[in-house]
Amino acid sequence: MTEAAELHEAWRAVANAKLAEYRRQCWRLAGLAAQGTIAKADAIDALWGIAIAHALVRALGEDYVNLIIVEAFMALTAERAA
C-alpha cells in the first residue's frame, strides 16, 4: 500500500469508529428516553449537538444524521407498541 493509501485508511478507520460510537449513543439515549429516564426531545437535541460538534453533520449531511437518530428512536417506539 502506498503512503497516501495508508494515510487515507487511517482517516477512514477513525471516521468509521466515530460513526459507530455515535450510532451506539443514539440507541443508548433512545433506550433511556423509552424508559422515561430522559426526555426524548432533550436526547435528540443532545445527539444533534454531538453530531455538529464532531463534524458528523458536515461529513455525512443533515439527512443522514437525522436518519441515524430516527432509526434508533423509531425502532424502540415500534418495540413498545408491539
Protein backbone atom coordinates (compact mmCIF):
# COMPACT_ATOMS: atom_id res chain seq x y z
CA MET A 1 0.00 0.00 0.00
CA THR A 2 1.29 3.49 -0.78
CA GLU A 3 1.88 6.11 1.87
CA ALA A 4 -1.15 8.09 0.64
CA ALA A 5 -3.32 4.97 0.80
CA GLU A 6 -2.12 4.20 4.33
CA LEU A 7 -2.92 7.74 5.48
CA HIS A 8 -6.33 7.58 3.81
CA GLU A 9 -7.05 4.25 5.51
CA ALA A 10 -6.19 5.75 8.92
CA TRP A 11 -8.54 8.65 8.22
CA ARG A 12 -11.34 6.28 7.18
CA ALA A 13 -10.88 3.99 10.18
CA VAL A 14 -11.17 6.86 12.66
CA ALA A 15 -14.22 8.24 10.86
CA ASN A 16 -15.89 4.83 10.93
CA ALA A 17 -15.13 4.40 14.62
CA LYS A 18 -16.66 7.79 15.34
CA LEU A 19 -19.78 6.92 13.38
CA ALA A 20 -20.12 3.53 15.10
CA GLU A 21 -19.91 5.15 18.54
CA TYR A 22 -22.41 7.82 17.52
CA ARG A 23 -24.87 5.11 16.49
CA ARG A 24 -24.35 3.33 19.83
CA GLN A 25 -25.07 6.53 21.70
CA CYS A 26 -28.21 7.15 19.64
CA TRP A 27 -29.52 3.72 20.62
CA ARG A 28 -28.47 4.21 24.26
CA LEU A 29 -30.22 7.56 24.58
CA ALA A 30 -33.27 6.28 22.70
CA GLY A 31 -33.48 3.44 25.22
CA LEU A 32 -33.22 5.84 28.14
CA ALA A 33 -35.92 8.02 26.59
CA ALA A 34 -38.16 4.99 26.09
CA GLN A 35 -37.74 4.14 29.79
CA GLY A 36 -38.61 7.70 30.74
CA THR A 37 -35.18 8.33 32.27
CA ILE A 38 -34.54 11.30 29.99
CA ALA A 39 -36.85 13.41 27.83
CA LYS A 40 -36.95 12.34 24.18
CA ALA A 41 -36.60 15.93 22.93
CA ASP A 42 -33.57 16.51 25.17
CA ALA A 43 -31.94 13.30 23.92
CA ILE A 44 -32.50 14.24 20.28
CA ASP A 45 -31.23 17.79 20.84
CA ALA A 46 -28.12 16.42 22.56
CA LEU A 47 -27.47 13.94 19.76
CA TRP A 48 -27.80 16.67 17.16
CA GLY A 49 -25.36 18.86 19.09
CA ILE A 50 -22.91 15.97 19.36
CA ALA A 51 -23.16 15.36 15.61
CA ILE A 52 -22.40 19.01 14.90
CA ALA A 53 -19.55 19.20 17.43
CA HIS A 54 -17.88 16.09 16.00
CA ALA A 55 -18.33 17.16 12.36
CA LEU A 56 -20.70 14.31 11.53
CA VAL A 57 -23.28 16.67 10.05
CA ARG A 58 -20.63 18.29 7.89
CA ALA A 59 -19.16 14.95 6.80
CA LEU A 60 -22.37 12.95 6.33
CA GLY A 61 -25.03 15.59 5.75
CA GLU A 62 -28.09 16.54 7.77
CA ASP A 63 -30.34 13.93 6.20
CA TYR A 64 -28.05 11.02 7.03
CA VAL A 65 -27.53 12.13 10.63
CA ASN A 66 -31.29 12.56 11.01
CA LEU A 67 -31.77 9.04 9.64
CA ILE A 68 -29.39 7.60 12.25
CA ILE A 69 -31.28 9.33 15.06
CA VAL A 70 -34.72 8.43 13.72
CA GLU A 71 -33.72 4.81 13.20
CA ALA A 72 -32.89 4.35 16.88
CA PHE A 73 -35.93 6.17 18.24
CA MET A 74 -38.42 4.64 15.81
CA ALA A 75 -37.19 1.09 16.40
CA LEU A 76 -37.70 1.40 20.14
CA THR A 77 -41.08 3.08 19.65
CA ALA A 78 -42.16 0.18 17.41
CA GLU A 79 -40.99 -2.35 20.01
CA ARG A 80 -43.02 -0.68 22.73
CA ALA A 81 -46.13 -0.57 20.52
CA ALA A 82 -45.93 -4.29 19.71
